[in-house]
Protein backbone atom coordinates (compact mmCIF):
# COMPACT_ATOMS: atom_id res chain seq x y z
CA MET A 1 33.15 39.44 -85.82
CA HIS A 2 33.74 41.76 -82.90
CA LYS A 3 33.87 44.80 -85.16
CA ALA A 4 30.53 43.91 -86.75
CA ALA A 5 28.93 43.44 -83.32
CA PHE A 6 30.27 46.79 -82.21
CA THR A 7 28.85 48.44 -85.33
CA ILE A 8 25.44 46.90 -84.63
CA LEU A 9 25.51 48.12 -81.02
CA VAL A 10 26.42 51.67 -82.07
CA ALA A 11 23.63 51.68 -84.64
CA ALA A 12 21.14 50.41 -82.07
CA ALA A 13 22.24 52.99 -79.53
CA THR A 14 21.99 55.72 -82.18
CA ALA A 15 18.50 54.57 -83.10
CA LEU A 16 17.45 54.53 -79.47
CA GLY A 17 18.90 58.00 -78.95
CA LEU A 18 17.00 59.34 -81.94
CA THR A 19 13.79 57.77 -80.70
CA ALA A 20 14.19 59.24 -77.21
CA THR A 21 15.04 62.65 -78.68
CA ARG A 22 12.06 62.66 -80.96
CA ALA A 23 9.80 61.51 -78.11
CA ALA A 24 10.87 64.65 -76.17
CA GLU A 25 10.26 67.03 -79.05
CA LEU A 26 7.46 69.55 -78.94
CA LYS A 27 6.03 71.51 -81.83
CA LEU A 28 5.19 75.01 -80.65
CA GLU A 29 1.64 76.31 -81.00
CA ALA A 30 0.14 79.46 -79.58
CA VAL A 31 -2.20 78.74 -76.66
CA ASP A 32 -4.69 80.83 -74.72
CA ILE A 33 -3.52 81.91 -71.29
CA PRO A 34 -5.47 84.06 -68.84
CA GLU A 35 -4.67 87.75 -68.67
CA MET A 36 -4.26 88.54 -64.98
CA LYS A 37 -4.74 91.86 -63.22
CA ALA A 38 -3.57 92.58 -59.69
CA VAL A 39 -6.30 94.17 -57.57
CA TYR A 40 -6.96 94.44 -53.87
CA GLY A 41 -9.86 92.79 -52.07
CA GLN A 42 -11.22 93.38 -48.60
CA ILE A 43 -12.02 90.62 -46.12
CA GLN A 44 -15.72 90.97 -45.31
CA PRO A 45 -18.04 88.96 -43.05
CA ARG A 46 -20.94 87.13 -44.66
CA ASN A 47 -23.27 88.42 -41.95
CA SER A 48 -22.89 91.58 -39.91
CA VAL A 49 -25.54 91.54 -37.18
CA LEU A 50 -26.27 94.05 -34.44
CA ALA A 51 -26.66 93.21 -30.77
CA ARG A 52 -29.22 95.76 -29.62
CA ALA A 53 -30.49 96.88 -26.23
CA ARG A 54 -34.10 95.76 -25.70
CA LEU A 55 -34.53 98.10 -22.73
CA GLY A 56 -33.70 101.73 -22.19
CA GLY A 57 -31.56 102.56 -19.17
CA THR A 58 -28.00 102.56 -17.86
CA LEU A 59 -25.41 100.10 -19.19
CA VAL A 60 -24.24 98.61 -15.90
CA ARG A 61 -22.21 95.76 -17.43
CA LEU A 62 -20.25 95.36 -20.67
CA ASP A 63 -18.43 92.04 -21.11
CA VAL A 64 -17.06 92.28 -24.66
CA THR A 65 -14.66 94.40 -26.65
CA GLU A 66 -13.52 94.50 -30.25
CA GLY A 67 -11.99 91.21 -31.37
CA ASP A 68 -13.76 88.95 -28.88
CA ILE A 69 -15.34 85.70 -30.08
CA VAL A 70 -18.94 85.16 -28.94
CA LYS A 71 -21.55 82.43 -29.28
CA ALA A 72 -25.21 82.88 -30.08
CA GLY A 73 -27.14 83.43 -26.84
CA ASP A 74 -24.19 84.77 -24.82
CA VAL A 75 -25.03 87.68 -22.51
CA ILE A 76 -22.59 90.37 -23.59
CA ALA A 77 -23.96 93.34 -21.62
CA GLU A 78 -26.68 94.36 -19.18
CA VAL A 79 -28.92 97.41 -19.15
CA LYS A 80 -30.73 98.41 -15.95
CA ASP A 81 -33.69 100.76 -15.50
CA ASP A 82 -34.13 101.68 -11.83
CA LYS A 83 -37.73 102.75 -12.40
CA ILE A 84 -38.69 99.13 -13.05
CA ASP A 85 -37.37 98.07 -9.63
CA PHE A 86 -39.44 100.81 -7.98
CA GLN A 87 -42.52 99.72 -9.94
CA ILE A 88 -42.01 96.10 -8.85
CA LYS A 89 -41.76 97.21 -5.22
CA ALA A 90 -44.95 99.24 -5.59
CA VAL A 91 -46.79 96.22 -7.03
CA ASP A 92 -45.43 94.02 -4.22
CA ALA A 93 -46.85 96.45 -1.65
CA GLN A 94 -50.17 96.49 -3.49
CA LEU A 95 -50.20 92.67 -3.49
CA GLN A 96 -49.60 92.59 0.25
CA GLY A 97 -52.62 94.85 0.81
CA LEU A 98 -54.81 92.88 -1.58
CA ASN A 99 -53.84 89.56 -0.03
CA ALA A 100 -54.70 90.94 3.43
CA SER A 101 -58.06 92.14 2.10
CA LEU A 102 -58.62 88.72 0.51
CA ARG A 103 -57.97 86.96 3.82
CA ASP A 104 -60.45 89.26 5.59
CA ALA A 105 -63.01 88.63 2.86
CA GLU A 106 -62.55 84.88 3.28
CA VAL A 107 -63.07 85.17 7.05
CA GLU A 108 -66.21 87.30 6.60
CA LEU A 109 -67.55 84.91 3.99
CA ASP A 110 -66.98 81.91 6.27
CA ARG A 111 -68.75 83.67 9.20
CA ALA A 112 -71.68 84.68 7.00
CA ASP A 113 -71.98 81.13 5.70
CA ARG A 114 -72.29 79.79 9.25
CA LEU A 115 -74.88 82.43 10.13
CA VAL A 116 -76.94 81.61 7.02
CA ARG A 117 -76.94 77.91 7.92
CA SER A 118 -78.10 78.78 11.46
CA GLY A 119 -80.79 81.15 10.12
CA ALA A 120 -79.28 84.25 11.77
CA ALA A 121 -78.38 85.99 8.46
CA SER A 122 -79.85 86.31 4.97
CA THR A 123 -78.44 84.79 1.84
CA GLN A 124 -78.27 88.29 0.31
CA ARG A 125 -75.43 89.20 2.67
CA LEU A 126 -73.65 85.94 1.76
CA ASP A 127 -73.89 86.75 -1.95
CA GLN A 128 -72.47 90.24 -1.37
CA LEU A 129 -69.47 88.81 0.47
CA LYS A 130 -68.86 86.25 -2.31
CA THR A 131 -68.90 89.02 -4.87
CA GLN A 132 -66.49 91.07 -2.77
CA ARG A 133 -64.14 88.09 -2.46
CA ASP A 134 -64.20 87.50 -6.25
CA VAL A 135 -63.41 91.16 -6.93
CA ILE A 136 -60.42 91.11 -4.59
CA THR A 137 -59.23 87.79 -6.11
CA ASN A 138 -59.29 89.31 -9.59
CA GLN A 139 -57.41 92.37 -8.32
CA VAL A 140 -54.73 90.05 -6.91
CA ARG A 141 -54.42 88.24 -10.26
CA GLN A 142 -54.17 91.57 -12.09
CA ALA A 143 -51.42 92.77 -9.76
CA GLU A 144 -49.55 89.48 -10.15
CA ALA A 145 -49.78 89.76 -13.96
CA GLN A 146 -48.54 93.33 -13.80
CA ARG A 147 -45.61 92.21 -11.65
CA SER A 148 -44.77 89.44 -14.17
CA VAL A 149 -44.68 92.04 -16.96
CA LEU A 150 -42.30 94.23 -14.97
CA VAL A 151 -40.05 91.27 -14.12
CA GLN A 152 -39.97 90.34 -17.82
CA GLN A 153 -39.03 93.90 -18.73
CA ALA A 154 -36.22 93.85 -16.18
CA SER A 155 -34.90 90.56 -17.63
CA GLU A 156 -34.79 92.13 -21.09
CA GLY A 157 -31.97 94.31 -19.83
CA ALA A 158 -29.63 91.44 -20.78
CA VAL A 159 -28.11 92.12 -24.22
CA ILE A 160 -27.87 88.80 -26.11
CA ALA A 161 -25.44 87.94 -28.90
CA PRO A 162 -27.71 87.12 -31.88
CA SER A 163 -25.20 84.83 -33.64
CA ASP A 164 -21.77 83.24 -33.43
CA GLY A 165 -18.91 85.42 -34.61
CA ARG A 166 -16.30 88.04 -33.83
CA VAL A 167 -17.12 91.39 -32.24
CA ILE A 168 -15.94 94.09 -34.64
CA SER A 169 -17.46 97.19 -33.08
CA VAL A 170 -18.60 98.30 -29.63
CA PRO A 171 -19.93 101.87 -29.95
CA VAL A 172 -20.95 102.28 -26.26
CA THR A 173 -19.16 102.33 -22.91
CA ARG A 174 -20.06 101.13 -19.47
CA ASP A 175 -22.33 103.44 -17.40
CA ALA A 176 -23.59 105.07 -20.58
CA VAL A 177 -27.32 105.72 -21.01
CA VAL A 178 -28.76 103.73 -23.91
CA MET A 179 -32.18 103.72 -25.54
CA ALA A 180 -34.24 100.69 -26.46
CA GLY A 181 -33.06 99.47 -29.88
CA GLU A 182 -29.64 101.13 -29.63
CA THR A 183 -26.66 99.10 -30.89
CA VAL A 184 -24.37 97.76 -28.18
CA ALA A 185 -22.08 95.64 -30.40
CA THR A 186 -21.68 94.61 -34.04
CA ILE A 187 -20.88 90.94 -34.61
CA ALA A 188 -19.37 89.53 -37.80
CA GLY A 189 -20.38 85.93 -38.42
CA GLY A 190 -21.40 83.35 -40.97
CA GLY A 191 -17.92 83.03 -42.45
CA PHE A 192 -15.79 85.46 -44.44
CA PHE A 193 -15.20 86.22 -48.10
CA LEU A 194 -13.27 88.67 -50.26
CA ARG A 195 -15.03 91.66 -51.81
CA LEU A 196 -13.37 93.16 -54.87
CA ALA A 197 -13.84 96.55 -56.52
CA ILE A 198 -12.76 96.14 -60.16
CA PRO A 199 -12.46 98.93 -62.78
CA GLU A 200 -15.52 98.86 -65.02
CA ARG A 201 -13.44 98.48 -68.20
CA HIS A 202 -12.88 94.87 -67.14
CA ALA A 203 -16.56 94.17 -66.43
CA GLN A 204 -17.17 92.30 -69.69
CA ASP A 205 -14.14 90.05 -69.11
CA LEU A 206 -15.31 88.79 -65.70
CA SER A 207 -16.95 85.39 -65.49
CA GLN A 208 -18.61 83.73 -62.53
CA GLY A 209 -16.74 80.62 -61.39
CA ALA A 210 -13.33 81.85 -62.58
CA PRO A 211 -10.38 80.70 -60.40
CA ILE A 212 -8.73 83.42 -58.36
CA LYS A 213 -5.26 83.58 -56.76
CA ILE A 214 -4.93 85.35 -53.43
CA GLU A 215 -1.65 86.45 -51.86
CA THR A 216 -1.97 86.65 -48.09
CA GLY A 217 0.35 86.02 -45.18
CA GLY A 218 3.20 85.02 -47.49
CA GLU A 219 1.23 82.18 -49.09
CA THR A 220 -0.91 81.76 -52.18
CA LEU A 221 -4.52 80.62 -51.82
CA GLU A 222 -6.98 79.49 -54.46
CA GLY A 223 -10.45 81.04 -54.59
CA GLU A 224 -13.46 81.23 -56.86
CA LEU A 225 -15.35 84.24 -58.21
CA VAL A 226 -18.86 83.41 -56.98
CA LYS A 227 -20.83 86.61 -57.54
CA ILE A 228 -20.68 89.66 -59.78
CA TYR A 229 -22.96 92.54 -58.83
CA PRO A 230 -24.73 94.25 -61.74
CA GLN A 231 -24.64 97.78 -60.34
CA ILE A 232 -21.51 99.86 -61.06
CA GLU A 233 -20.62 102.44 -58.44
CA GLY A 234 -17.84 104.98 -58.76
CA GLY A 235 -16.61 103.38 -61.98
CA ARG A 236 -16.06 100.02 -60.32
CA VAL A 237 -17.73 96.62 -60.42
CA THR A 238 -18.24 94.78 -57.11
CA ALA A 239 -17.53 91.05 -57.00
CA ASP A 240 -17.28 88.43 -54.25
CA VAL A 241 -14.67 85.67 -53.99
CA GLU A 242 -15.02 82.51 -51.89
CA VAL A 243 -11.73 81.23 -50.47
CA ASP A 244 -10.80 78.67 -47.82
CA GLY A 245 -8.08 79.33 -45.26
CA LEU A 246 -8.53 83.11 -45.29
CA ASP A 247 -6.93 84.94 -42.37
CA THR A 248 -9.84 86.56 -40.54
CA ASP A 249 -7.99 88.20 -37.66
CA PHE A 250 -8.62 91.62 -39.22
CA VAL A 251 -11.96 92.38 -40.82
CA ALA A 252 -11.77 94.70 -43.87
CA ALA A 253 -8.05 93.91 -44.28
CA ARG A 254 -6.81 94.37 -47.86
CA VAL A 255 -5.18 91.44 -49.64
CA GLN A 256 -3.76 91.22 -53.15
CA VAL A 257 -5.73 89.22 -55.69
CA GLU A 258 -4.75 88.00 -59.16
CA LEU A 259 -7.92 88.38 -61.20
CA PRO A 260 -8.41 86.89 -64.70
CA VAL A 261 -9.73 89.70 -66.93
CA GLY A 262 -9.39 88.05 -70.35
CA LYS A 263 -7.20 85.79 -72.48
CA ARG A 264 -4.25 86.25 -74.79
CA ARG A 265 -2.25 84.06 -77.18
CA ALA A 266 1.24 83.05 -76.12
CA LEU A 267 4.00 80.54 -76.89
CA MET A 268 4.66 78.29 -73.91
CA VAL A 269 7.48 75.77 -73.41
CA PRO A 270 8.12 73.44 -70.46
CA ALA A 271 10.39 74.93 -67.84
CA THR A 272 12.76 71.97 -68.36
CA ALA A 273 13.40 73.11 -71.94
CA LEU A 274 15.23 76.27 -70.82
CA THR A 275 18.92 76.42 -70.06
CA ASN A 276 20.46 79.51 -68.50
CA ARG A 277 24.08 80.43 -69.10
CA SER A 278 25.60 83.75 -68.09
CA GLY A 279 22.15 85.19 -67.52
CA VAL A 280 20.92 84.27 -71.01
CA ASN A 281 18.16 81.69 -71.57
CA PHE A 282 18.59 79.13 -74.34
CA VAL A 283 16.13 76.65 -75.86
CA SER A 284 17.17 73.66 -77.97
CA VAL A 285 15.39 73.64 -81.34
CA ARG A 286 15.51 71.05 -84.11
CA GLU A 287 16.41 72.46 -87.51
CA ASN A 288 16.26 69.73 -90.17
CA ASP A 289 18.53 66.99 -88.77
CA GLN A 290 20.39 69.19 -86.31
CA VAL A 291 19.63 70.44 -82.81
CA VAL A 292 20.69 74.05 -82.23
CA GLU A 293 20.33 76.39 -79.30
CA ARG A 294 18.52 79.67 -79.62
CA ALA A 295 18.70 82.59 -77.23
CA VAL A 296 15.20 83.52 -76.04
CA VAL A 297 13.56 86.11 -73.83
CA ALA A 298 11.49 84.27 -71.22
CA GLY A 299 8.40 85.66 -69.55
CA GLU A 300 6.44 84.51 -66.51
CA ALA A 301 6.03 80.90 -65.45
CA LEU A 302 2.53 79.42 -65.26
CA GLU A 303 1.00 76.14 -64.15
CA LEU A 304 -0.71 74.67 -67.21
CA GLY A 305 -2.04 71.13 -67.23
CA GLY A 306 -0.23 70.34 -64.00
CA GLU A 307 3.15 71.30 -65.49
CA THR A 308 5.25 74.42 -65.06
CA GLN A 309 5.56 76.20 -68.39
CA VAL A 310 7.33 79.41 -69.32
CA GLU A 311 6.13 82.02 -71.80
CA ILE A 312 8.57 82.82 -74.60
CA LEU A 313 8.43 86.49 -75.52
CA SER A 314 10.94 86.37 -78.40
CA GLY A 315 13.38 83.98 -80.03
CA LEU A 316 10.86 81.31 -81.07
CA ALA A 317 7.90 81.17 -83.43
CA ALA A 318 4.86 78.98 -83.84
CA GLY A 319 5.83 75.77 -85.67
CA ASP A 320 9.33 75.51 -84.18
CA VAL A 321 10.20 72.07 -82.80
CA VAL A 322 11.58 72.37 -79.26
CA VAL A 323 13.76 69.60 -77.79
CA THR A 324 12.96 69.36 -74.11
CA LYS A 325 15.88 67.12 -73.14
């Protein structure tokens, strides 16, 4: 009785073992894997805007240098033209004289008005004085408008940052003479991306939206090929890659990029199917009713379907049944 029970248990265990083994078997088939090419990309700003001087003169203040972070509207420098100050003083003196003349004209007009009411003067004289007062009043308004224009010109000596970003170039120095429209600083803003220059022989293999791997700062980032430019320059195709978490401390820094330039057929097995002994890789393969180990030459490991798989360069063929455990 006990012997029969033992025989039944062994048979059940054997059946369970066979079921588990067969459940972990994998029939090899060639699959398409991306052909990767290592190229270098440069970190580029999305927008590169110029902070320009609106006024010609001497750069009396410069508050930024390369690498500084600025906000839109920040005053980063100041240009001063001494001639404007002299012109404002000249207009102020002119206004003082005109205001004095206007006061005299008002006094004369008031006296003439009293004389006309008393019959001691004609209305013609009163009209002349009114006209004289109006002329002086208009001259005062003209001088005040001219002064406002000069004050506005002087205020345009402030150089304003046109957008948020990092200052990447300051081609002028303090106390330098600058012209209106001359660049005081270049500001990189609007985010950053990678710009690639790819040999034109790979142009037909590029596809917009392809995933890209970027090696930077000792870590691997995932990006996306978002734009391929149609014009080829110097035998190279230009393409842009969007990537989050890019180190932007150095604009135009070169980083290594793994770019998919096509596909190839390969035999892939789960990484758990490989066993390494004495530097040689072995894979368990079912041959008829037996499981044997074959020595294989393994290639690179890839993430396929959320699982780490290893390319087999030799030792296996399509149709082989691999035992993964």
